[in-house]
Protein backbone atom coordinates (compact mmCIF):
# COMPACT_ATOMS: atom_id res chain seq x y z
CA MET A 1 27.35 12.35 7.30
CA SER A 2 29.26 9.59 8.79
CA TYR A 3 27.44 5.79 8.94
CA ASN A 4 28.63 2.52 10.33
CA GLN A 5 28.48 -0.30 7.91
CA TYR A 6 27.61 -3.58 9.43
CA SER A 7 28.67 -7.29 8.31
CA LEU A 8 28.08 -10.56 9.28
CA SER A 9 31.26 -12.40 11.43
CA ASP A 10 31.23 -16.41 10.27
CA GLU A 11 29.00 -17.12 13.41
CA GLY A 12 26.31 -15.20 11.64
CA SER A 13 26.23 -12.41 14.64
CA LEU A 14 26.10 -8.65 13.87
CA SER A 15 29.89 -7.40 14.06
CA PRO A 16 30.47 -3.55 13.76
CA ALA A 17 32.99 -2.69 10.93
CA TYR A 18 33.76 0.86 11.28
CA HIS A 19 34.26 3.35 8.14
CA ASP A 20 32.98 6.88 6.97
CA ALA A 21 30.49 6.59 3.94
CA GLN A 22 28.24 8.91 2.31
CA LEU A 23 24.56 7.80 1.91
CA ASP A 24 24.08 7.94 -1.83
CA ILE A 25 20.44 8.98 -2.39
CA ILE A 26 20.75 8.23 -6.35
CA ASN A 27 21.72 4.60 -5.69
CA ILE A 28 20.27 3.06 -3.79
CA ASN A 29 22.01 -0.52 -3.75
CA SER A 30 25.14 1.48 -1.89
CA LYS A 31 23.51 -0.42 1.38
CA VAL A 32 24.47 1.60 3.67
CA PRO A 33 22.56 1.80 7.06
CA GLU A 34 21.43 5.07 9.16
CA ILE A 35 19.87 3.26 12.24
CA SER A 36 22.73 2.43 14.18
CA SER A 37 23.54 -1.56 15.02
CA THR A 38 22.36 -0.53 18.70
CA LYS A 39 19.37 0.62 18.27
CA ILE A 40 19.23 -2.09 16.15
CA GLN A 41 19.64 -4.75 18.33
CA GLU A 42 17.26 -2.91 21.14
CA TYR A 43 14.82 -3.28 18.66
CA LEU A 44 15.33 -6.45 17.76
CA THR A 45 15.47 -7.87 21.44
CA LYS A 46 11.78 -6.27 22.62
CA PHE A 47 10.27 -8.93 20.43
CA SER A 48 13.14 -12.16 21.32
CA PRO A 49 16.41 -12.55 22.80
CA ARG A 50 19.29 -11.51 20.98
CA ASP A 51 20.97 -15.20 20.93
CA SER A 52 17.69 -16.11 18.84
CA TRP A 53 18.20 -13.85 15.56
CA LYS A 54 19.96 -14.88 12.95
CA PHE A 55 21.09 -12.23 11.17
CA ILE A 56 21.86 -12.73 6.83
CA GLN A 57 22.24 -11.28 4.08
CA VAL A 58 20.36 -10.82 0.62
CA ASN A 59 23.06 -12.39 -1.72
CA SER A 60 22.65 -15.44 0.74
CA ILE A 61 19.24 -15.91 -0.12
CA LYS A 62 19.57 -15.31 -3.53
CA GLU A 63 22.23 -17.95 -3.61
CA GLY A 64 20.18 -19.83 -1.68
CA ARG A 65 22.54 -20.55 1.05
CA THR A 66 19.75 -19.92 3.97
CA SER A 67 18.71 -23.35 5.55
CA HIS A 68 15.79 -24.15 7.43
CA ASN A 69 15.95 -22.76 10.85
CA SER A 70 14.58 -22.19 14.42
CA LYS A 71 15.86 -19.03 14.69
CA ASP A 72 14.13 -15.54 13.89
CA ILE A 73 15.94 -13.84 10.90
CA PHE A 74 17.39 -10.31 10.45
CA ILE A 75 18.15 -9.18 7.06
CA ASP A 76 21.31 -7.14 7.80
CA ASP A 77 21.42 -5.50 4.46
CA ILE A 78 18.55 -2.42 3.10
CA VAL A 79 16.09 -4.63 0.91
CA VAL A 80 15.69 -2.48 -2.60
CA LYS A 81 13.08 -3.58 -5.30
CA THR A 82 16.50 -4.67 -7.69
CA ASP A 83 16.30 -7.80 -4.76
CA ASP A 84 13.12 -8.70 -5.93
CA PRO A 85 11.48 -8.66 -3.03
CA ASN A 86 8.74 -11.34 -3.94
CA PHE A 87 10.79 -14.09 -4.24
CA ILE A 88 12.88 -13.22 -0.58
CA PHE A 89 9.71 -13.27 1.16
CA ASN A 90 8.58 -16.24 -0.51
CA TYR A 91 12.36 -18.15 0.24
CA ILE A 92 11.96 -16.49 3.96
CA ARG A 93 8.45 -17.86 4.43
CA GLU A 94 9.50 -21.85 3.41
CA THR A 95 12.66 -21.32 5.97
CA ILE A 96 10.87 -20.39 9.26
CA SER A 97 8.36 -21.21 11.47
CA THR A 98 5.25 -19.20 12.03
CA GLU A 99 6.83 -18.77 15.24
CA ASN A 100 9.58 -16.87 14.42
CA TYR A 101 10.12 -13.49 13.01
CA PHE A 102 11.62 -12.33 10.24
CA ALA A 103 12.65 -8.80 10.55
CA PHE A 104 14.61 -6.52 7.69
CA ARG A 105 15.56 -3.19 7.08
CA THR A 106 14.05 -0.96 3.61
CA ALA A 107 14.54 2.48 2.17
CA THR A 108 10.82 3.06 1.16
CA ALA A 109 10.03 5.84 -0.87
CA GLU A 110 8.91 8.23 1.75
CA ASN A 111 12.35 7.58 3.10
CA LEU A 112 14.20 8.98 -0.02
CA LYS A 113 11.83 11.67 -0.28
CA THR A 114 13.26 13.20 2.84
CA LYS A 115 16.66 12.53 2.58
CA LEU A 116 16.06 14.12 -0.76
CA GLN A 117 14.60 17.11 0.97
CA ASP A 118 17.38 17.56 3.70
CA THR A 119 20.41 17.34 1.52
CA TYR A 120 18.74 19.78 -0.87
CA SER A 121 17.69 23.74 -0.55
CA PRO A 122 13.59 24.12 -1.51
CA PHE A 123 14.93 25.69 -5.07
CA LEU A 124 16.82 23.05 -6.03
CA TYR A 125 14.82 20.29 -4.35
CA SER A 126 12.37 21.48 -6.90
CA VAL A 127 14.38 21.18 -9.88
CA TYR A 128 15.87 17.66 -9.03
CA TYR A 129 12.77 15.72 -7.94
CA PRO A 130 10.72 16.05 -11.06
CA PHE A 131 13.34 14.18 -13.02
CA TYR A 132 14.00 11.70 -9.88
CA PHE A 133 10.27 11.16 -9.76
CA LEU A 134 10.48 10.56 -13.57
CA LEU A 135 13.12 8.04 -13.51
CA ARG A 136 13.36 6.40 -10.30
CA ARG A 137 8.91 6.26 -9.85
CA LEU A 138 7.48 6.75 -13.19
CA ILE A 139 9.06 4.92 -16.03
CA PRO A 140 10.12 2.09 -14.22
CA LYS A 141 6.41 1.39 -14.40
CA LEU A 142 5.61 1.81 -17.73
CA LYS A 143 4.99 -1.37 -20.26
CA GLY A 144 8.79 -2.48 -21.66
CA PHE A 145 10.70 -0.52 -19.49
CA ARG A 146 10.03 -3.11 -15.91
CA LYS A 147 11.64 -5.56 -17.70
CA ILE A 148 14.53 -3.50 -18.97
CA CYS A 149 14.97 -1.67 -15.65
CA ARG A 150 15.12 -5.43 -13.71
CA LEU A 151 17.70 -6.56 -15.94
CA LEU A 152 19.71 -3.62 -15.63
CA GLU A 153 19.16 -3.84 -12.33
CA PHE A 154 17.81 0.37 -12.37
CA PRO A 155 17.53 1.40 -8.75
CA VAL A 156 13.38 1.69 -8.32
CA ASP A 157 12.02 3.53 -5.56
CA MET A 158 9.03 1.34 -3.33
CA SER A 159 6.69 2.79 -1.23
CA LYS A 160 5.80 1.84 2.26
CA ALA A 161 2.43 0.64 0.73
CA GLU A 162 4.12 -1.41 -1.37
CA ILE A 163 6.22 -3.20 0.46
CA ILE A 164 3.81 -3.67 3.28
CA GLY A 165 1.17 -5.16 0.97
CA ARG A 166 4.38 -7.74 -0.90
CA LEU A 167 4.74 -8.97 2.79
CA ILE A 168 0.95 -9.32 3.24
CA TYR A 169 0.59 -10.72 0.16
CA LYS A 170 3.36 -13.38 0.20
CA GLY A 171 1.52 -14.90 3.38
CA PHE A 172 3.31 -12.66 6.71
CA LYS A 173 1.39 -10.08 8.96
CA ILE A 174 2.78 -7.23 9.98
CA ILE A 175 4.09 -7.19 14.17
CA ASP A 176 5.26 -3.98 14.07
CA LEU A 177 7.04 -0.97 12.48
CA LEU A 178 10.23 1.43 13.21
CA GLU A 179 10.58 4.56 11.07
CA THR A 180 13.27 6.81 11.04
CA ASN A 181 13.68 9.78 8.55
CA TYR A 182 16.04 7.63 6.38
CA GLU A 183 15.21 4.21 7.35
CA THR A 184 12.01 1.68 8.14
CA ILE A 185 12.65 -1.63 9.67
CA LEU A 186 9.83 -4.06 9.76
CA ILE A 187 8.54 -7.12 12.30
CA THR A 188 6.66 -9.66 11.04
CA GLN A 189 5.47 -13.23 11.22
CA VAL A 190 4.45 -15.88 8.65
CA ASN A 191 0.31 -15.84 8.46
CA PRO A 192 -0.70 -19.86 8.56
CA SER A 193 -3.63 -18.92 8.06
CA ASP A 194 -3.30 -16.44 4.77
CA ASN A 195 -0.99 -16.40 1.86
CA PRO A 196 -2.99 -14.51 -1.24
CA SER A 197 -0.10 -15.12 -3.33
CA ALA A 198 -0.99 -19.16 -3.58
CA SER A 199 -4.06 -18.31 -4.98
CA LYS A 200 -3.68 -14.60 -6.60
CA PRO A 201 -1.40 -13.06 -9.21
CA ILE A 202 0.81 -10.32 -8.95
CA ALA A 203 -0.35 -7.38 -8.39
CA SER A 204 -0.12 -4.95 -11.31
CA GLU A 205 1.97 -1.86 -11.95
CA GLY A 206 -0.26 -0.29 -14.87
CA PHE A 207 -1.85 3.27 -14.81
CA ILE A 208 -5.45 1.22 -15.28
CA PHE A 209 -5.70 -0.41 -12.07
CA THR A 210 -8.74 -2.81 -11.65
CA MET A 211 -10.88 -3.54 -8.70
CA ASN A 212 -12.80 -6.79 -7.11
CA ARG A 213 -15.96 -4.53 -5.88
CA LEU A 214 -19.54 -6.05 -5.24
CA GLY A 215 -22.42 -5.42 -7.47
CA LYS A 216 -26.06 -6.15 -7.74
CA ASN A 217 -26.69 -9.78 -5.74
CA GLY A 218 -23.69 -9.56 -4.28
CA LYS A 219 -22.12 -10.52 -7.55
CA ASN A 220 -18.39 -10.26 -8.45
CA ILE A 221 -17.53 -6.84 -11.29
CA VAL A 222 -14.45 -5.56 -12.27
CA VAL A 223 -14.40 -1.55 -11.62
CA TYR A 224 -11.72 0.08 -13.94
CA LYS A 225 -9.58 3.08 -12.15
CA LEU A 226 -6.53 5.41 -12.93
CA ARG A 227 -4.09 4.15 -10.23
CA THR A 228 -4.22 5.94 -7.38
CA MET A 229 -2.66 3.71 -4.68
CA HIS A 230 0.79 2.51 -4.87
CA PRO A 231 1.22 -1.46 -6.16
CA TYR A 232 0.20 -3.98 -3.64
CA ALA A 233 -2.35 -1.25 -1.77
CA GLU A 234 -5.18 -3.75 -2.23
CA TYR A 235 -3.78 -6.37 0.47
CA VAL A 236 -2.48 -3.73 2.94
CA LEU A 237 -6.57 -2.80 3.49
CA ASP A 238 -7.36 -4.96 6.86
CA TYR A 239 -3.82 -3.86 8.51
CA LEU A 240 -4.96 0.16 8.00
CA HIS A 241 -7.81 -0.34 9.09
CA LYS A 242 -6.61 -1.81 12.56
CA ALA A 243 -3.87 0.21 13.01
CA HIS A 244 -5.66 3.74 12.03
CA GLY A 245 -9.19 3.19 11.93
CA LEU A 246 -11.52 5.29 10.03
CA ASP A 247 -11.75 9.36 9.28
CA ILE A 248 -14.12 11.56 8.37
CA GLY A 249 -16.46 10.92 5.73
CA GLY A 250 -15.54 6.73 5.92
CA LYS A 251 -11.78 7.22 4.34
CA PHE A 252 -8.73 5.51 6.23
CA LYS A 253 -7.09 7.71 8.46
CA ASN A 254 -3.72 8.07 7.30
CA ASP A 255 -4.14 6.43 4.51
CA PHE A 256 -0.42 6.02 3.31
CA ARG A 257 -1.93 3.45 0.46
CA ILE A 258 -2.61 7.13 -1.72
CA SER A 259 0.04 8.42 -3.80
CA THR A 260 0.66 12.40 -3.90
CA THR A 261 -0.56 12.58 -7.78
CA GLY A 262 -3.10 9.73 -6.91
CA ARG A 263 -4.68 12.38 -4.55
CA THR A 264 -4.69 15.54 -6.95
CA LEU A 265 -6.74 13.16 -9.94
CA ARG A 266 -8.95 11.59 -6.54
CA LYS A 267 -10.13 15.57 -5.89
CA TYR A 268 -11.07 15.95 -8.88
CA TRP A 269 -12.87 12.99 -9.80
CA ILE A 270 -10.15 11.87 -12.46
CA ASP A 271 -9.31 8.16 -11.55
CA GLU A 272 -13.23 7.51 -12.00
CA ILE A 273 -13.53 8.29 -15.52
CA PRO A 274 -12.14 5.08 -16.84
CA MET A 275 -15.54 4.00 -14.57
CA LEU A 276 -17.55 4.96 -17.51
CA TYR A 277 -16.53 1.84 -19.21
CA ASN A 278 -18.49 0.07 -16.39
CA LEU A 279 -21.60 2.25 -16.81
CA LEU A 280 -22.19 1.54 -20.20
CA LYS A 281 -21.28 -1.90 -19.70
CA GLY A 282 -24.41 -1.97 -17.32
CA ASP A 283 -22.11 -3.09 -14.33
CA ILE A 284 -23.12 0.41 -12.48
CA LYS A 285 -25.69 3.15 -13.31
CA LEU A 286 -24.96 6.63 -13.01
CA VAL A 287 -26.65 7.61 -9.45
CA GLY A 288 -26.23 4.94 -6.93
CA VAL A 289 -24.18 3.72 -3.50
CA ARG A 290 -20.62 3.30 -4.60
CA PRO A 291 -19.00 -0.34 -5.15
CA ILE A 292 -17.07 -1.26 -2.12
CA SER A 293 -14.98 -4.19 -1.76
CA ALA A 294 -15.98 -7.27 0.40
CA TYR A 295 -13.54 -6.30 3.06
CA TYR A 296 -15.45 -2.61 3.85
CA PHE A 297 -18.98 -4.65 2.92
CA CYS A 298 -18.43 -6.68 6.14
CA LEU A 299 -18.04 -3.18 8.33
CA TYR A 300 -21.24 -2.57 7.55
CA PRO A 301 -24.47 -3.58 9.71
CA ALA A 302 -26.43 -6.59 8.52
CA GLU A 303 -29.75 -4.49 7.52
CA ALA A 304 -27.38 -2.20 5.51
CA GLN A 305 -25.76 -5.34 3.86
CA ALA A 306 -29.42 -6.85 2.76
CA ILE A 307 -30.76 -3.62 1.34
CA ARG A 308 -27.16 -2.62 -0.65
CA HIS A 309 -27.24 -6.00 -2.11
CA LYS A 310 -30.70 -5.69 -4.30
CA PHE A 311 -29.49 -2.25 -6.32
CA LYS A 312 -26.55 -1.54 -8.86
CA PRO A 313 -23.67 0.36 -7.54
CA GLY A 314 -23.25 3.75 -8.70
CA LEU A 315 -20.94 6.48 -10.73
CA LEU A 316 -22.34 9.40 -8.16
CA PRO A 317 -23.03 8.12 -4.81
CA PRO A 318 -25.98 9.97 -2.26
CA PHE A 319 -22.84 10.71 0.13
CA TYR A 320 -22.06 14.02 -2.34
CA ALA A 321 -25.76 15.03 -1.98
CA ASP A 322 -25.58 14.37 2.11
CA MET A 323 -21.65 15.42 2.99
CA PRO A 324 -22.26 12.84 5.86
CA GLY A 325 -19.31 13.23 8.27
CA THR A 326 -18.79 9.68 10.14
CA PHE A 327 -19.31 6.02 8.67
CA ASP A 328 -22.24 5.86 11.06
CA GLU A 329 -23.90 8.90 9.11
CA ILE A 330 -22.98 7.51 5.44
CA VAL A 331 -24.52 4.15 6.36
CA GLN A 332 -27.88 6.22 6.61
CA SER A 333 -27.18 8.44 3.89
CA GLU A 334 -26.96 5.06 1.21
CA MET A 335 -29.95 3.74 3.15
CA ASN A 336 -32.08 6.86 2.78
CA TYR A 337 -31.18 7.00 -0.66
CA LEU A 338 -32.35 2.92 -1.21
CA HIS A 339 -35.55 3.05 0.12
CA GLN A 340 -36.57 6.02 -1.23
CA TYR A 341 -35.11 4.40 -4.73
CA GLU A 342 -36.93 1.37 -3.98
CA LYS A 343 -40.04 3.50 -3.94
CA ALA A 344 -39.49 5.99 -6.84
CA PRO A 345 -36.33 5.31 -8.81
CA PHE A 346 -36.10 7.31 -11.85
CA LYS A 347 -37.62 10.75 -9.39
CA THR A 348 -35.42 9.58 -6.69
CA ASP A 349 -32.42 9.35 -9.03
CA VAL A 350 -33.30 12.87 -10.57
CA LYS A 351 -33.72 14.71 -7.20
CA TYR A 352 -29.90 13.08 -6.18
CA LEU A 353 -28.63 13.71 -9.05
CA LEU A 354 -29.67 17.78 -8.97
CA LYS A 355 -28.39 17.77 -5.07
CA ILE A 356 -25.17 16.43 -6.11
CA ALA A 357 -24.24 18.81 -9.13
CA THR A 358 -25.45 21.59 -6.89
CA ASN A 359 -22.76 20.79 -4.24
CA ILE A 360 -20.09 19.42 -7.06
CA LEU A 361 -20.49 23.20 -8.84
CA PHE A 362 -21.21 25.55 -6.25
CA LYS A 363 -20.34 24.50 -2.41
CA ASN A 364 -16.87 22.69 -3.71
CA ALA A 365 -18.01 19.13 -2.40
CA ARG A 366 -14.77 17.20 -3.61
CA SER A 367 -13.59 13.61 -2.96
CA LYS A 368 -10.46 12.51 -0.79
């Protein structure tokens, strides 16, 4: 397959340099574009006139050759994890104004997986992909290997959720996103009112994931789970909610933050095994409403917020007793439980525990 390679002219405009190149899916650092120059320019001019865009390359950022300017910036390179996206985003944030746009190309883990599926037969793909996943997705996240991978600039895949999460973490808001089979372009702007990186540490990529959740009386508790989401997924909540809304069961629609392995872990509650530590600590009780984030809590009506604050959250929520479908039904299910628990705590928990056990063991109730 042939692709057009694009490079910068001295004036910083996009000029085609035609040659044949094979997209190397094993070495993403080949930096070969899949989206044509014409399509890129058409897409960018939907947001700002062509002459307002300044085209730069990753190396010019790394070498500090990009000065403060009043132009919109497009990185004419495929941004990969070995480029240190956090450094790039931080540099751009300090370079452009809040009115300007920042755009770039990347090949997400989802893009690369599609490319592999299109390249190999189903049989070869099923044999090859586990090794690919191990080398490009799993090993680089192991403590001790992360630094080695960075030093050796070993190619590491970065999911759509991670790249969006990193942008939001570094103080950008997502304006638009263009996805093709093998490549993704993101359009962003600086978010002047929110820059989480100014007060929060970089996200953990380990297999044990900690989450800040609301406990009794609104007290913040740290909940432990096995990772089922991509790194930086916690910063994508607002974007995901606005872009897709809520699905049946109160979950987010098209939740791309959850990994394929994560869905399996969630289905059988394996991801919640570390929460037994929270149970032993006394942060939560066995039966009770699920500990939720401050953002999700804000979606609840005032009456539900008030009664939720009174009690400890639980490991086994009333959701699995009542199996509600919509968000409103979930809220009503929790309120019914809490009102009963307020009058007869022990009796209510025993009744709900038996009902939850019945639904899980005999009616195939599963988490998503």
